[in-house]
């Protein structure tokens, strides 16, 4: 592994900005957060339905009434499945939870506040869904459509809950240090600079209604914050539910205001979409010709408004939402491929080869010898239609990697391992 940086200055972490606070696991999940009647359940169901379109023979199921598994759209995986034609295919999935609707005062237990907070604590990332469509038949909890007000409500409740949690953090740390150093209860304990700086930075962010995950922290400060179990350390993806008409024309009076708000609150990815559009498209899932005709019709509607070109070609954004959730959690795939099975395995970005082997079986990690790795692009360019690595090997593109190899997105791997039973004494 490369040596760690000696300085403790904040880094430009990109997608890892929020994931640095999270669990180091391969089964991380996203949850939809929003006010009631903004489209959370509809979109959750659409994401679940997309699974069947991606791999009809995979046993997808609803884990609970509000938890679904979504197949990760993956052209590389589909190419390998088509090439090897195995009897079993197992794609990567993303678990998504439809969290109970939040209202103002949830941080103090209003509405389903306590249930909401327990559910959000159980997920690792947030799809922050806001309503930007008018519909008389869909009542808004605040009687009018205003995404900025809704964003303030949601983020405000999350930050208030974290502030309440932060209130006990200082006392808990002081008591811990007193006990560790054998100090009297009334003595002022010496707190580390990392703790004090982390505490001050977090409080400033929360006081300004800004998620903790957007802040700049040193590695030492991050380690402190991890122990505080704050909600706003989770990565967030903002999803804007628009009317079908506005989605087709790729515009809304609210989008610039939402972009400005998100930028002022630490930034983040924004995905405009329309549950109305997606539901109509999904309802034609058994008739691909009808789906194509529907997309063509929507593209023509944009053209009739003078909006032409690739940017205004109508298409579903469900795959993009699933991929964005996975990216927010810093997850990636590697593949095992053969005549019996093609499978996508989920790991976190930065995982080393032995730990990746352990995702398949703990014995593979314990007895790891080496990983035989082919890059997907090399395989696609060289295999010549054969369900074999022979030509990849002939061209010197089949590599043997050791324990320090960092897995890359799309690696096709065979792990070599040897586990011997312990000798009897």
Foldseek 3Di string as FASTA:
>chain_A
DDDDDPDQFFDPPVLCLLLLLFDFDQQAAEEEAFAPLQCLVLLQVLQQLQQCVQPVPDPWDAPDSFKGKGFQDDPLLVVQCVLLVAPAEAGDIHMYGYADHDDAPLLVPPDPSVSRVVVLLPHQAYAYEAEDEDDPVRADPVRDHDRVVRLLRRLLSLLVNLVVLLVCLVVVVQVVQCVVVVHDPPDGGDDDPLCVVLSVQSVVLSVVSAQPSLDTHTSSNSVSVSVSSGSSSGHYAYEYAYALLCVLLVDDPCVVVVQVSQVVRRHHHYHYDHSVLSVVLSVCSVPVVVNVVSQVVSLVSNVVVVHDDPVNRDDHCSSVVRVVVCSSNQKAWEWEHHRHYIYTGIGHAFDWPLVSLVSVPVQLNVFFDKKWKAASVLCVVFVPSHSDCVRVVVVVRTDIGDRRDGDDHYIHIDTDGDDDDDDDD
